[in-house]
Amino acid sequence: MEMRMMPTFSTVVTVIGLLAMWGVVMLVLYLGLHDRPAGWQQLQRQLDALWERMNDEYGGNPPIK
């Protein structure tokens, strides 16, 4: 009698749940970003400004505490 590896119920539920969460995240990112590059560019500008301020304040990379 051959023994085949059958996934348990909890494994199946976990995999389906992870796939569903990944799908939701992808959908939210797509809906949030696909038609609004201006918001994305604004975020990039804010990050650049923050990085410049850190460079000015700390003289290079921010310190590791």
PDB file of N, CA and C in Angstrom:
ATOM      1  N   MET A   1       0.846  -1.188   0.000  1.00  0.00           N
ATOM      2  CA  MET A   1       0.000   0.000   0.000  1.00  0.00           C
ATOM      3  C   MET A   1       0.886   1.245   0.000  1.00  0.00           C
ATOM      4  N   GLU A   2       0.719   2.089  -0.986  1.00  0.00           N
ATOM      5  CA  GLU A   2       1.605   3.259  -1.075  1.00  0.00           C
ATOM      6  C   GLU A   2       1.023   4.424  -0.280  1.00  0.00           C
ATOM      7  N   MET A   3       1.922   5.162   0.346  1.00  0.00           N
ATOM      8  CA  MET A   3       1.518   6.317   1.154  1.00  0.00           C
ATOM      9  C   MET A   3       1.826   7.581   0.367  1.00  0.00           C
ATOM     10  N   ARG A   4       0.800   8.355   0.074  1.00  0.00           N
ATOM     11  CA  ARG A   4       1.020   9.628  -0.599  1.00  0.00           C
ATOM     12  C   ARG A   4       0.958  10.740   0.432  1.00  0.00           C
ATOM     13  N   MET A   5       1.760  11.779   0.196  1.00  0.00           N
ATOM     14  CA  MET A   5       1.754  12.919   1.117  1.00  0.00           C
ATOM     15  C   MET A   5       0.540  13.788   0.817  1.00  0.00           C
ATOM     16  N   MET A   6      -0.420  13.762   1.701  1.00  0.00           N
ATOM     17  CA  MET A   6      -1.598  14.615   1.542  1.00  0.00           C
ATOM     18  C   MET A   6      -1.462  15.791   2.502  1.00  0.00           C
ATOM     19  N   PRO A   7      -1.631  17.022   1.999  1.00  0.00           N
ATOM     20  CA  PRO A   7      -1.548  18.168   2.910  1.00  0.00           C
ATOM     21  C   PRO A   7      -2.712  18.155   3.899  1.00  0.00           C
ATOM     22  N   THR A   8      -2.435  18.586   5.114  1.00  0.00           N
ATOM     23  CA  THR A   8      -3.489  18.632   6.121  1.00  0.00           C
ATOM     24  C   THR A   8      -4.427  19.795   5.834  1.00  0.00           C
ATOM     25  N   PHE A   9      -5.570  19.772   6.485  1.00  0.00           N
ATOM     26  CA  PHE A   9      -6.571  20.815   6.279  1.00  0.00           C
ATOM     27  C   PHE A   9      -6.009  22.181   6.653  1.00  0.00           C
ATOM     28  N   SER A  10      -5.285  22.244   7.774  1.00  0.00           N
ATOM     29  CA  SER A  10      -4.762  23.545   8.218  1.00  0.00           C
ATOM     30  C   SER A  10      -3.721  24.083   7.240  1.00  0.00           C
ATOM     31  N   THR A  11      -2.937  23.205   6.630  1.00  0.00           N
ATOM     32  CA  THR A  11      -1.955  23.645   5.637  1.00  0.00           C
ATOM     33  C   THR A  11      -2.655  24.249   4.428  1.00  0.00           C
ATOM     34  N   VAL A  12      -3.710  23.587   3.973  1.00  0.00           N
ATOM     35  CA  VAL A  12      -4.464  24.090   2.819  1.00  0.00           C
ATOM     36  C   VAL A  12      -5.068  25.451   3.142  1.00  0.00           C
ATOM     37  N   VAL A  13      -5.674  25.577   4.333  1.00  0.00           N
ATOM     38  CA  VAL A  13      -6.293  26.842   4.738  1.00  0.00           C
ATOM     39  C   VAL A  13      -5.241  27.943   4.828  1.00  0.00           C
ATOM     40  N   THR A  14      -4.068  27.620   5.377  1.00  0.00           N
ATOM     41  CA  THR A  14      -2.993  28.607   5.510  1.00  0.00           C
ATOM     42  C   THR A  14      -2.526  29.090   4.139  1.00  0.00           C
ATOM     43  N   VAL A  15      -2.307  28.162   3.216  1.00  0.00           N
ATOM     44  CA  VAL A  15      -1.835  28.534   1.878  1.00  0.00           C
ATOM     45  C   VAL A  15      -2.871  29.397   1.168  1.00  0.00           C
ATOM     46  N   ILE A  16      -4.142  29.000   1.253  1.00  0.00           N
ATOM     47  CA  ILE A  16      -5.197  29.789   0.608  1.00  0.00           C
ATOM     48  C   ILE A  16      -5.278  31.176   1.242  1.00  0.00           C
ATOM     49  N   GLY A  17      -5.146  31.243   2.573  1.00  0.00           N
ATOM     50  CA  GLY A  17      -5.182  32.537   3.262  1.00  0.00           C
ATOM     51  C   GLY A  17      -4.037  33.437   2.848  1.00  0.00           C
ATOM     52  N   LEU A  18      -2.835  32.874   2.743  1.00  0.00           N
ATOM     53  CA  LEU A  18      -1.675  33.667   2.330  1.00  0.00           C
ATOM     54  C   LEU A  18      -1.843  34.171   0.901  1.00  0.00           C
ATOM     55  N   LEU A  19      -2.333  33.314   0.019  1.00  0.00           N
ATOM     56  CA  LEU A  19      -2.567  33.743  -1.362  1.00  0.00           C
ATOM     57  C   LEU A  19      -3.617  34.846  -1.420  1.00  0.00           C
ATOM     58  N   ALA A  20      -4.660  34.723  -0.601  1.00  0.00           N
ATOM     59  CA  ALA A  20      -5.714  35.737  -0.595  1.00  0.00           C
ATOM     60  C   ALA A  20      -5.169  37.067  -0.092  1.00  0.00           C
ATOM     61  N   MET A  21      -4.365  37.031   0.984  1.00  0.00           N
ATOM     62  CA  MET A  21      -3.790  38.277   1.517  1.00  0.00           C
ATOM     63  C   MET A  21      -2.866  38.921   0.488  1.00  0.00           C
ATOM     64  N   TRP A  22      -2.059  38.106  -0.185  1.00  0.00           N
ATOM     65  CA  TRP A  22      -1.160  38.631  -1.212  1.00  0.00           C
ATOM     66  C   TRP A  22      -1.968  39.290  -2.325  1.00  0.00           C
ATOM     67  N   GLY A  23      -3.065  38.646  -2.715  1.00  0.00           N
ATOM     68  CA  GLY A  23      -3.923  39.208  -3.752  1.00  0.00           C
ATOM     69  C   GLY A  23      -4.528  40.534  -3.336  1.00  0.00           C
ATOM     70  N   VAL A  24      -4.955  40.630  -2.074  1.00  0.00           N
ATOM     71  CA  VAL A  24      -5.536  41.882  -1.578  1.00  0.00           C
ATOM     72  C   VAL A  24      -4.483  42.983  -1.581  1.00  0.00           C
ATOM     73  N   VAL A  25      -3.264  42.663  -1.133  1.00  0.00           N
ATOM     74  CA  VAL A  25      -2.190  43.663  -1.112  1.00  0.00           C
ATOM     75  C   VAL A  25      -1.892  44.148  -2.528  1.00  0.00           C
ATOM     76  N   MET A  26      -1.790  43.221  -3.475  1.00  0.00           N
ATOM     77  CA  MET A  26      -1.521  43.608  -4.860  1.00  0.00           C
ATOM     78  C   MET A  26      -2.644  44.487  -5.415  1.00  0.00           C
ATOM     79  N   LEU A  27      -3.894  44.143  -5.095  1.00  0.00           N
ATOM     80  CA  LEU A  27      -5.033  44.924  -5.579  1.00  0.00           C
ATOM     81  C   LEU A  27      -4.998  46.335  -5.010  1.00  0.00           C
ATOM     82  N   VAL A  28      -4.713  46.446  -3.707  1.00  0.00           N
ATOM     83  CA  VAL A  28      -4.661  47.769  -3.073  1.00  0.00           C
ATOM     84  C   VAL A  28      -3.538  48.602  -3.687  1.00  0.00           C
ATOM     85  N   LEU A  29      -2.370  47.997  -3.877  1.00  0.00           N
ATOM     86  CA  LEU A  29      -1.255  48.728  -4.485  1.00  0.00           C
ATOM     87  C   LEU A  29      -1.609  49.160  -5.902  1.00  0.00           C
ATOM     88  N   TYR A  30      -2.235  48.265  -6.667  1.00  0.00           N
ATOM     89  CA  TYR A  30      -2.591  48.611  -8.048  1.00  0.00           C
ATOM     90  C   TYR A  30      -3.595  49.758  -8.074  1.00  0.00           C
ATOM     91  N   LEU A  31      -4.636  49.652  -7.258  1.00  0.00           N
ATOM     92  CA  LEU A  31      -5.661  50.693  -7.258  1.00  0.00           C
ATOM     93  C   LEU A  31      -5.104  52.007  -6.732  1.00  0.00           C
ATOM     94  N   GLY A  32      -4.154  51.936  -5.802  1.00  0.00           N
ATOM     95  CA  GLY A  32      -3.618  53.149  -5.208  1.00  0.00           C
ATOM     96  C   GLY A  32      -2.579  53.836  -6.070  1.00  0.00           C
ATOM     97  N   LEU A  33      -1.893  53.095  -6.947  1.00  0.00           N
ATOM     98  CA  LEU A  33      -0.745  53.666  -7.646  1.00  0.00           C
ATOM     99  C   LEU A  33      -0.911  53.768  -9.156  1.00  0.00           C
ATOM    100  N   HIS A  34      -1.789  52.950  -9.759  1.00  0.00           N
ATOM    101  CA  HIS A  34      -1.738  52.829 -11.221  1.00  0.00           C
ATOM    102  C   HIS A  34      -2.148  54.111 -11.926  1.00  0.00           C
ATOM    103  N   ASP A  35      -2.997  54.919 -11.313  1.00  0.00           N
ATOM    104  CA  ASP A  35      -3.515  56.083 -12.026  1.00  0.00           C
ATOM    105  C   ASP A  35      -3.076  57.394 -11.387  1.00  0.00           C
ATOM    106  N   ARG A  36      -2.220  57.314 -10.364  1.00  0.00           N
ATOM    107  CA  ARG A  36      -1.852  58.541  -9.661  1.00  0.00           C
ATOM    108  C   ARG A  36      -0.342  58.640  -9.479  1.00  0.00           C
ATOM    109  N   PRO A  37       0.404  58.836 -10.557  1.00  0.00           N
ATOM    110  CA  PRO A  37       1.856  58.965 -10.400  1.00  0.00           C
ATOM    111  C   PRO A  37       2.251  60.222  -9.636  1.00  0.00           C
ATOM    112  N   ALA A  38       1.358  61.241  -9.611  1.00  0.00           N
ATOM    113  CA  ALA A  38       1.701  62.490  -8.929  1.00  0.00           C
ATOM    114  C   ALA A  38       1.902  62.250  -7.435  1.00  0.00           C
ATOM    115  N   GLY A  39       1.030  61.453  -6.831  1.00  0.00           N
ATOM    116  CA  GLY A  39       1.174  61.141  -5.411  1.00  0.00           C
ATOM    117  C   GLY A  39       2.470  60.392  -5.136  1.00  0.00           C
ATOM    118  N   TRP A  40       2.807  59.474  -6.044  1.00  0.00           N
ATOM    119  CA  TRP A  40       4.044  58.704  -5.902  1.00  0.00           C
ATOM    120  C   TRP A  40       5.255  59.638  -5.985  1.00  0.00           C
ATOM    121  N   GLN A  41       5.222  60.588  -6.940  1.00  0.00           N
ATOM    122  CA  GLN A  41       6.334  61.531  -7.086  1.00  0.00           C
ATOM    123  C   GLN A  41       6.440  62.432  -5.864  1.00  0.00           C
ATOM    124  N   GLN A  42       5.288  62.819  -5.294  1.00  0.00           N
ATOM    125  CA  GLN A  42       5.323  63.657  -4.095  1.00  0.00           C
ATOM    126  C   GLN A  42       5.979  62.902  -2.943  1.00  0.00           C
ATOM    127  N   LEU A  43       5.639  61.621  -2.783  1.00  0.00           N
ATOM    128  CA  LEU A  43       6.256  60.813  -1.738  1.00  0.00           C
ATOM    129  C   LEU A  43       7.764  60.725  -1.959  1.00  0.00           C
ATOM    130  N   GLN A  44       8.168  60.533  -3.218  1.00  0.00           N
ATOM    131  CA  GLN A  44       9.592  60.454  -3.528  1.00  0.00           C
ATOM    132  C   GLN A  44      10.297  61.763  -3.192  1.00  0.00           C
ATOM    133  N   ARG A  45       9.654  62.888  -3.503  1.00  0.00           N
ATOM    134  CA  ARG A  45      10.251  64.190  -3.170  1.00  0.00           C
ATOM    135  C   ARG A  45      10.385  64.363  -1.660  1.00  0.00           C
ATOM    136  N   GLN A  46       9.374  63.918  -0.907  1.00  0.00           N
ATOM    137  CA  GLN A  46       9.443  64.033   0.550  1.00  0.00           C
ATOM    138  C   GLN A  46      10.581  63.183   1.102  1.00  0.00           C
ATOM    139  N   LEU A  47      10.738  61.971   0.561  1.00  0.00           N
ATOM    140  CA  LEU A  47      11.827  61.109   1.017  1.00  0.00           C
ATOM    141  C   LEU A  47      13.184  61.722   0.681  1.00  0.00           C
ATOM    142  N   ASP A  48      13.302  62.301  -0.522  1.00  0.00           N
ATOM    143  CA  ASP A  48      14.554  62.953  -0.906  1.00  0.00           C
ATOM    144  C   ASP A  48      14.861  64.122   0.020  1.00  0.00           C
ATOM    145  N   ALA A  49      13.837  64.924   0.344  1.00  0.00           N
ATOM    146  CA  ALA A  49      14.043  66.070   1.230  1.00  0.00           C
ATOM    147  C   ALA A  49      14.461  65.602   2.618  1.00  0.00           C
ATOM    148  N   LEU A  50      13.826  64.533   3.105  1.00  0.00           N
ATOM    149  CA  LEU A  50      14.190  63.997   4.421  1.00  0.00           C
ATOM    150  C   LEU A  50      15.638  63.521   4.419  1.00  0.00           C
ATOM    151  N   TRP A  51      16.034  62.838   3.343  1.00  0.00           N
ATOM    152  CA  TRP A  51      17.405  62.331   3.250  1.00  0.00           C
ATOM    153  C   TRP A  51      18.410  63.490   3.228  1.00  0.00           C
ATOM    154  N   GLU A  52      18.091  64.551   2.459  1.00  0.00           N
ATOM    155  CA  GLU A  52      18.975  65.721   2.418  1.00  0.00           C
ATOM    156  C   GLU A  52      19.102  66.355   3.799  1.00  0.00           C
ATOM    157  N   ARG A  53      17.974  66.455   4.503  1.00  0.00           N
ATOM    158  CA  ARG A  53      18.006  67.053   5.835  1.00  0.00           C
ATOM    159  C   ARG A  53      18.858  66.211   6.784  1.00  0.00           C
ATOM    160  N   MET A  54      18.742  64.900   6.686  1.00  0.00           N
ATOM    161  CA  MET A  54      19.561  64.024   7.532  1.00  0.00           C
ATOM    162  C   MET A  54      21.040  64.201   7.199  1.00  0.00           C
ATOM    163  N   ASN A  55      21.348  64.299   5.905  1.00  0.00           N
ATOM    164  CA  ASN A  55      22.740  64.489   5.504  1.00  0.00           C
ATOM    165  C   ASN A  55      23.281  65.806   6.046  1.00  0.00           C
ATOM    166  N   ASP A  56      22.473  66.873   5.959  1.00  0.00           N
ATOM    167  CA  ASP A  56      22.913  68.173   6.468  1.00  0.00           C
ATOM    168  C   ASP A  56      23.106  68.130   7.979  1.00  0.00           C
ATOM    169  N   GLU A  57      22.170  67.447   8.660  1.00  0.00           N
ATOM    170  CA  GLU A  57      22.175  67.474  10.120  1.00  0.00           C
ATOM    171  C   GLU A  57      23.289  66.620  10.707  1.00  0.00           C
ATOM    172  N   TYR A  58      23.495  65.440  10.125  1.00  0.00           N
ATOM    173  CA  TYR A  58      24.433  64.492  10.717  1.00  0.00           C
ATOM    174  C   TYR A  58      25.734  64.385   9.941  1.00  0.00           C
ATOM    175  N   GLY A  59      25.834  65.073   8.827  1.00  0.00           N
ATOM    176  CA  GLY A  59      27.070  65.003   8.055  1.00  0.00           C
ATOM    177  C   GLY A  59      27.326  63.634   7.478  1.00  0.00           C
ATOM    178  N   GLY A  60      26.402  63.119   6.714  1.00  0.00           N
ATOM    179  CA  GLY A  60      26.565  61.798   6.117  1.00  0.00           C
ATOM    180  C   GLY A  60      25.385  60.922   6.464  1.00  0.00           C
ATOM    181  N   ASN A  61      25.651  59.644   6.644  1.00  0.00           N
ATOM    182  CA  ASN A  61      24.574  58.723   6.966  1.00  0.00           C
ATOM    183  C   ASN A  61      24.079  58.980   8.380  1.00  0.00           C
ATOM    184  N   PRO A  62      22.780  58.746   8.629  1.00  0.00           N
ATOM    185  CA  PRO A  62      22.275  58.938   9.988  1.00  0.00           C
ATOM    186  C   PRO A  62      22.946  57.969  10.956  1.00  0.00           C
ATOM    187  N   PRO A  63      23.157  58.393  12.189  1.00  0.00           N
ATOM    188  CA  PRO A  63      23.853  57.529  13.144  1.00  0.00           C
ATOM    189  C   PRO A  63      23.004  56.327  13.535  1.00  0.00           C
ATOM    190  N   ILE A  64      23.660  55.233  13.824  1.00  0.00           N
ATOM    191  CA  ILE A  64      22.981  54.030  14.304  1.00  0.00           C
ATOM    192  C   ILE A  64      23.061  54.048  15.823  1.00  0.00           C
ATOM    193  N   LYS A  65      21.904  54.053  16.449  1.00  0.00           N
ATOM    194  CA  LYS A  65      21.903  54.130  17.921  1.00  0.00           C
ATOM    195  C   LYS A  65      21.818  52.746  18.520  1.00  0.00           C
TER     196      LYS A  65
END
